[in-house]
Amino acid sequence: MSCAGRLVPIDDCSLWVVERGPADGFPLIVLHGGPGLDHHEFGDYLDPLTEAGLRLVFMDLRANGASDRTPPHTWTLERYAQDVIMLALRLRLGPYGVLGHSYGAFVALQNAVDYPGQAVATIVSGGIPSVRFLDGVGAALAAFEPASLREQVRASWEREASVQTQDDVASLMHDQWPFHFADPSDPRIADYEARTTGSLFSPEVLRHLATASSGGIDLEGRLAEVTQPTLLLAGRHDRVCPVAAAERMSQLLPNNELHVFEDSAHMAFVEQPEEYVETVRAFLVGREEPSGGTLVSR
């Protein structure tokens, strides 16, 4: 889903931001996955949250989507996490929350660890606390059925390290989507691709981070430092970011809620959209601010 946006300057670059919902609503900064994708990943699936008084602030990570290209040495989880803080300051958001999905969940978790309490609430959707939880992907792929799709997905991952064009990324994502749904033949995959038309892919970012263990997330030893309430969202059948990863985060984070989508894999906001939106809404609406009052009163 395309929507008007703007470039917002921070310290060393400008980030592409698309906002939906009431201007006076509680701001929720939304971080896309990838790497190499952009805010279109969410389509219009989160838009019902605006009816609950949330102001959705979709942000393209630096060098992704329509955001400014920056040197590769800045494409790190630490720098992406800092950009969230810089954007919130630039937009003068006041109290705000952060929701990250997949690679965006890595960024959201890094942000919560590096800047505890800066966001008043953090939502980690389809994330992991350490790259060790990716060790099971190979076994999941070996058991993936049907076999014809198994080879298709395997080949798509191999292409990540050599993609050159936006079309290359679009092609490999198309081949990979069945692996991210509980039902590899789910008709909603085609609908999802249609509802995310307009994506600006960043092959150079995907190529760079495909050989760097997705940025090397390793936060298990620091999760106790997080002070804000955290919502952990996981799909029971997620073959990439398994439920075990969310359960481990739940053991280590001081103040958290864990919600497992029983009929979803990695794309719960597509596979179980009503439950996903309601879970996020219930977590945020009525929650007290540190200074008193509520984040969202509607």
Protein backbone atom coordinates (compact mmCIF):
# COMPACT_ATOMS: atom_id res chain seq x y z
CA MET A 1 0.00 0.00 0.00
CA SER A 2 1.53 3.31 -1.07
CA CYS A 3 1.06 6.40 1.07
CA ALA A 4 2.49 9.91 1.06
CA GLY A 5 5.65 10.27 3.12
CA ARG A 6 8.55 12.62 3.72
CA LEU A 7 12.25 12.66 4.41
CA VAL A 8 13.07 13.55 8.01
CA PRO A 9 16.65 14.71 8.64
CA ILE A 10 18.45 13.25 11.64
CA ASP A 11 22.15 13.69 12.44
CA ASP A 12 23.93 12.20 9.41
CA CYS A 13 21.13 11.37 6.94
CA SER A 14 17.42 11.63 6.30
CA LEU A 15 14.94 8.83 6.95
CA TRP A 16 11.77 8.22 4.95
CA VAL A 17 8.72 8.38 7.21
CA VAL A 18 5.09 7.60 6.46
CA GLU A 19 2.47 8.42 9.09
CA ARG A 20 -1.09 7.16 9.43
CA GLY A 21 -3.65 7.87 12.09
CA PRO A 22 -4.56 10.86 14.26
CA ALA A 23 -1.88 13.55 14.54
CA ASP A 24 -2.50 13.72 18.29
CA GLY A 25 -2.52 9.95 18.73
CA PHE A 26 0.03 7.92 20.66
CA PRO A 27 3.03 7.49 18.29
CA LEU A 28 4.11 3.95 17.48
CA ILE A 29 7.34 3.81 15.46
CA VAL A 30 7.08 0.79 13.16
CA LEU A 31 10.26 -0.93 11.89
CA HIS A 32 10.22 -3.18 8.84
CA GLY A 33 12.05 -6.43 8.29
CA GLY A 34 14.55 -7.51 5.72
CA PRO A 35 17.18 -6.30 5.63
CA GLY A 36 16.62 -4.69 2.25
CA LEU A 37 12.84 -4.21 2.52
CA ASP A 38 10.90 -1.06 3.44
CA HIS A 39 7.75 0.08 5.24
CA HIS A 40 5.54 -1.40 2.51
CA GLU A 41 6.17 -4.76 4.18
CA PHE A 42 3.24 -3.98 6.50
CA GLY A 43 0.83 -3.05 3.70
CA ASP A 44 -2.35 -1.82 5.33
CA TYR A 45 -2.51 -4.62 7.89
CA LEU A 46 -1.77 -2.39 10.90
CA ASP A 47 -4.10 0.42 9.83
CA PRO A 48 -6.97 -0.71 12.12
CA LEU A 49 -4.77 0.36 15.05
CA THR A 50 -5.37 3.97 14.04
CA GLU A 51 -9.03 3.49 14.99
CA ALA A 52 -7.81 2.87 18.55
CA GLY A 53 -6.08 6.26 18.61
CA LEU A 54 -2.62 5.15 17.55
CA ARG A 55 -0.44 7.27 15.29
CA LEU A 56 1.58 4.85 13.17
CA VAL A 57 5.02 6.19 12.25
CA PHE A 58 6.47 3.88 9.60
CA MET A 59 10.21 4.38 9.17
CA ASP A 60 12.48 3.09 6.39
CA LEU A 61 15.77 2.07 8.01
CA ARG A 62 18.82 3.98 6.80
CA ALA A 63 19.92 2.89 3.32
CA ASN A 64 16.62 0.99 2.94
CA GLY A 65 13.57 2.01 0.94
CA ALA A 66 13.43 5.75 0.30
CA SER A 67 15.78 6.69 3.15
CA ASP A 68 19.18 8.19 2.37
CA ARG A 69 21.99 5.88 1.37
CA THR A 70 24.76 5.88 3.95
CA PRO A 71 28.16 4.14 4.11
CA PRO A 72 27.98 0.37 4.74
CA HIS A 73 29.84 0.68 8.02
CA THR A 74 26.71 2.39 9.41
CA TRP A 75 24.41 -0.53 8.56
CA THR A 76 24.50 -2.02 12.05
CA LEU A 77 21.87 -2.88 14.62
CA GLU A 78 23.42 -0.36 16.99
CA ARG A 79 23.15 2.47 14.46
CA TYR A 80 19.65 1.49 13.37
CA ALA A 81 18.63 1.46 17.04
CA GLN A 82 20.12 4.90 17.55
CA ASP A 83 18.23 6.19 14.51
CA VAL A 84 14.95 5.37 16.29
CA ILE A 85 15.96 7.71 19.11
CA MET A 86 17.09 10.41 16.70
CA LEU A 87 13.83 10.22 14.75
CA ALA A 88 11.73 10.45 17.91
CA LEU A 89 13.67 13.53 18.99
CA ARG A 90 13.43 15.14 15.57
CA LEU A 91 9.67 14.58 15.41
CA ARG A 92 9.26 15.67 19.05
CA LEU A 93 7.11 12.67 19.71
CA GLY A 94 7.00 12.78 23.48
CA PRO A 95 6.06 9.36 24.90
CA TYR A 96 6.16 6.78 22.10
CA GLY A 97 6.32 3.05 21.47
CA VAL A 98 8.34 0.91 19.07
CA LEU A 99 7.13 -2.09 17.07
CA GLY A 100 9.61 -4.07 15.00
CA HIS A 101 8.98 -7.15 12.90
CA SER A 102 11.61 -9.73 11.84
CA TYR A 103 14.85 -7.78 11.24
CA GLY A 104 12.96 -4.76 12.55
CA ALA A 105 12.38 -6.78 15.73
CA PHE A 106 16.15 -7.12 16.08
CA VAL A 107 16.40 -3.34 15.84
CA ALA A 108 13.56 -2.80 18.32
CA LEU A 109 15.21 -5.13 20.83
CA GLN A 110 18.61 -3.48 20.34
CA ASN A 111 16.94 -0.11 20.89
CA ALA A 112 15.30 -1.34 24.11
CA VAL A 113 18.64 -2.63 25.43
CA ASP A 114 20.78 0.35 24.41
CA TYR A 115 18.23 3.00 25.41
CA PRO A 116 16.10 1.52 28.21
CA GLY A 117 13.02 3.54 28.97
CA GLN A 118 13.36 5.90 26.00
CA ALA A 119 10.40 4.16 24.41
CA VAL A 120 7.63 3.64 26.94
CA ALA A 121 6.70 0.31 25.34
CA THR A 122 8.42 -2.07 22.91
CA ILE A 123 6.85 -4.75 20.71
CA VAL A 124 9.10 -7.50 19.34
CA SER A 125 7.31 -9.33 16.53
CA GLY A 126 8.92 -12.44 15.07
CA GLY A 127 12.30 -11.72 16.64
CA ILE A 128 15.22 -13.44 18.34
CA PRO A 129 17.68 -12.38 21.07
CA SER A 130 20.68 -14.11 19.51
CA VAL A 131 21.77 -15.53 16.15
CA ARG A 132 22.03 -18.96 17.77
CA PHE A 133 18.27 -19.23 17.34
CA LEU A 134 18.77 -19.20 13.57
CA ASP A 135 20.66 -22.49 13.77
CA GLY A 136 17.46 -24.44 13.26
CA VAL A 137 16.61 -22.88 9.91
CA GLY A 138 18.56 -25.55 8.01
CA ALA A 139 16.66 -28.37 9.67
CA ALA A 140 13.36 -26.59 9.12
CA LEU A 141 14.18 -26.24 5.43
CA ALA A 142 15.21 -29.90 5.15
CA ALA A 143 11.80 -30.90 6.51
CA PHE A 144 9.86 -28.34 4.47
CA GLU A 145 7.15 -29.69 2.19
CA PRO A 146 6.44 -29.89 -0.68
CA ALA A 147 9.89 -30.72 -2.00
CA SER A 148 9.48 -28.46 -5.04
CA LEU A 149 9.04 -25.44 -2.79
CA ARG A 150 11.91 -26.61 -0.59
CA GLU A 151 14.35 -26.25 -3.48
CA GLN A 152 12.79 -22.92 -4.45
CA VAL A 153 13.31 -21.52 -0.95
CA ARG A 154 16.83 -22.92 -0.65
CA ALA A 155 17.84 -21.30 -3.92
CA SER A 156 16.30 -17.98 -2.86
CA TRP A 157 18.49 -17.86 0.25
CA GLU A 158 21.59 -18.59 -1.79
CA ARG A 159 20.77 -15.62 -4.03
CA GLU A 160 20.66 -13.16 -1.11
CA ALA A 161 24.45 -12.77 -1.11
CA SER A 162 24.57 -11.90 -4.82
CA VAL A 163 21.46 -9.79 -5.54
CA GLN A 164 22.13 -6.76 -7.73
CA THR A 165 18.78 -5.18 -8.58
CA GLN A 166 15.39 -4.49 -7.04
CA ASP A 167 13.93 -7.09 -9.35
CA ASP A 168 16.41 -9.62 -7.97
CA VAL A 169 15.16 -8.96 -4.44
CA ALA A 170 11.51 -9.05 -5.50
CA SER A 171 12.09 -12.40 -7.21
CA LEU A 172 13.83 -14.05 -4.27
CA MET A 173 11.23 -12.72 -1.80
CA HIS A 174 8.47 -14.15 -3.99
CA ASP A 175 10.21 -17.52 -3.92
CA GLN A 176 10.78 -17.33 -0.16
CA TRP A 177 7.33 -16.27 1.09
CA PRO A 178 5.89 -19.83 1.29
CA PHE A 179 8.51 -20.67 3.92
CA HIS A 180 7.29 -17.80 6.10
CA PHE A 181 3.64 -18.91 6.18
CA ALA A 182 2.31 -21.82 8.20
CA ASP A 183 0.58 -23.09 5.06
CA PRO A 184 3.06 -22.83 2.14
CA SER A 185 0.14 -22.76 -0.30
CA ASP A 186 -1.79 -20.13 1.64
CA PRO A 187 -3.78 -18.03 -0.90
CA ARG A 188 -3.12 -15.00 1.28
CA ILE A 189 0.47 -14.97 0.04
CA ALA A 190 -0.67 -13.62 -3.33
CA ASP A 191 -2.96 -11.15 -1.59
CA TYR A 192 -0.09 -10.03 0.62
CA GLU A 193 2.15 -9.40 -2.39
CA ALA A 194 -0.62 -7.35 -3.99
CA ARG A 195 -1.14 -5.30 -0.83
CA THR A 196 2.58 -4.51 -0.56
CA THR A 197 2.93 -3.19 -4.10
CA GLY A 198 5.27 -0.21 -4.29
CA SER A 199 8.07 -1.67 -2.17
CA LEU A 200 11.51 -0.18 -2.76
CA PHE A 201 14.02 -2.94 -2.26
CA SER A 202 17.66 -2.33 -1.38
CA PRO A 203 19.80 -5.12 -2.86
CA GLU A 204 23.07 -3.65 -1.61
CA VAL A 205 21.87 -3.78 2.01
CA LEU A 206 20.56 -7.34 1.70
CA ARG A 207 23.76 -8.45 -0.03
CA HIS A 208 25.91 -6.85 2.67
CA LEU A 209 24.03 -8.20 5.70
CA ALA A 210 23.33 -11.63 4.21
CA THR A 211 26.97 -12.46 4.87
CA ALA A 212 27.02 -10.85 8.33
CA SER A 213 24.63 -13.11 10.30
CA SER A 214 21.86 -10.51 10.01
CA GLY A 215 23.98 -7.96 11.82
CA GLY A 216 25.13 -10.33 14.57
CA ILE A 217 22.39 -9.86 17.17
CA ASP A 218 23.56 -11.11 20.58
CA LEU A 219 21.53 -9.61 23.41
CA GLU A 220 20.61 -12.46 25.76
CA GLY A 221 23.10 -11.25 28.36
CA ARG A 222 21.67 -7.72 28.35
CA LEU A 223 17.90 -8.21 28.32
CA ALA A 224 17.70 -7.61 32.07
CA GLU A 225 18.66 -3.98 31.33
CA VAL A 226 15.36 -3.28 29.57
CA THR A 227 13.03 -1.25 31.77
CA GLN A 228 9.94 -0.61 29.62
CA PRO A 229 7.07 -3.08 29.20
CA THR A 230 7.71 -5.41 26.27
CA LEU A 231 5.27 -7.43 24.18
CA LEU A 232 6.67 -10.51 22.46
CA LEU A 233 4.77 -11.82 19.43
CA ALA A 234 5.57 -15.22 17.92
CA GLY A 235 4.03 -17.62 15.42
CA ARG A 236 3.77 -21.21 16.62
CA HIS A 237 4.99 -22.48 13.23
CA ASP A 238 7.70 -19.87 12.60
CA ARG A 239 10.57 -21.66 10.84
CA VAL A 240 13.01 -18.74 11.11
CA CYS A 241 12.41 -17.05 14.47
CA PRO A 242 11.07 -19.95 16.55
CA VAL A 243 8.78 -19.76 19.56
CA ALA A 244 11.72 -20.94 21.67
CA ALA A 245 13.41 -17.61 20.97
CA ALA A 246 10.40 -15.66 22.22
CA GLU A 247 10.17 -17.91 25.27
CA ARG A 248 13.83 -17.26 26.05
CA MET A 249 13.27 -13.51 25.79
CA SER A 250 10.27 -13.84 28.07
CA GLN A 251 12.45 -15.58 30.67
CA LEU A 252 15.02 -12.76 30.61
CA LEU A 253 13.06 -9.55 30.12
CA PRO A 254 11.96 -8.02 33.44
CA ASN A 255 8.50 -6.82 32.37
CA ASN A 256 7.01 -8.63 29.39
CA GLU A 257 4.00 -10.34 27.89
CA LEU A 258 4.28 -13.24 25.43
CA HIS A 259 1.58 -13.96 22.86
CA VAL A 260 1.82 -16.96 20.52
CA PHE A 261 -0.27 -17.08 17.35
CA GLU A 262 -1.23 -20.72 17.09
CA ASP A 263 -2.08 -20.71 13.37
CA SER A 264 0.81 -18.58 12.11
CA ALA A 265 4.42 -18.87 11.08
CA HIS A 266 6.57 -15.75 10.58
CA MET A 267 3.84 -13.50 9.17
CA ALA A 268 1.27 -13.40 11.97
CA PHE A 269 0.02 -9.93 11.04
CA VAL A 270 -1.01 -11.42 7.67
CA GLU A 271 -2.02 -14.91 8.80
CA GLN A 272 -4.02 -13.84 11.86
CA PRO A 273 -4.49 -10.10 11.31
CA GLU A 274 -7.45 -9.52 13.63
CA GLU A 275 -5.79 -11.28 16.56
CA TYR A 276 -2.50 -9.50 15.85
CA VAL A 277 -4.08 -6.04 15.84
CA GLU A 278 -6.17 -6.77 18.92
CA THR A 279 -3.13 -8.06 20.83
CA VAL A 280 -1.12 -4.92 20.05
CA ARG A 281 -4.10 -2.70 20.84
CA ALA A 282 -4.74 -4.39 24.17
CA PHE A 283 -1.07 -4.06 25.13
CA LEU A 284 -0.96 -0.32 24.43
CA VAL A 285 -4.45 1.05 25.04
CA GLY A 286 -4.95 2.06 28.64
CA ARG A 287 -1.34 1.43 29.64
CA GLU A 288 -0.11 4.00 32.14
CA GLU A 289 2.66 6.43 31.20
CA PRO A 290 5.65 6.63 33.56
CA SER A 291 4.60 10.20 34.39
CA GLY A 292 0.95 9.26 34.93
CA GLY A 293 -2.06 9.16 32.63
CA THR A 294 -2.51 6.64 29.84
CA LEU A 295 -0.75 6.14 26.52
CA VAL A 296 -3.94 5.61 24.55
CA SER A 297 -7.30 6.29 26.14
CA ARG A 298 -9.49 5.05 23.27
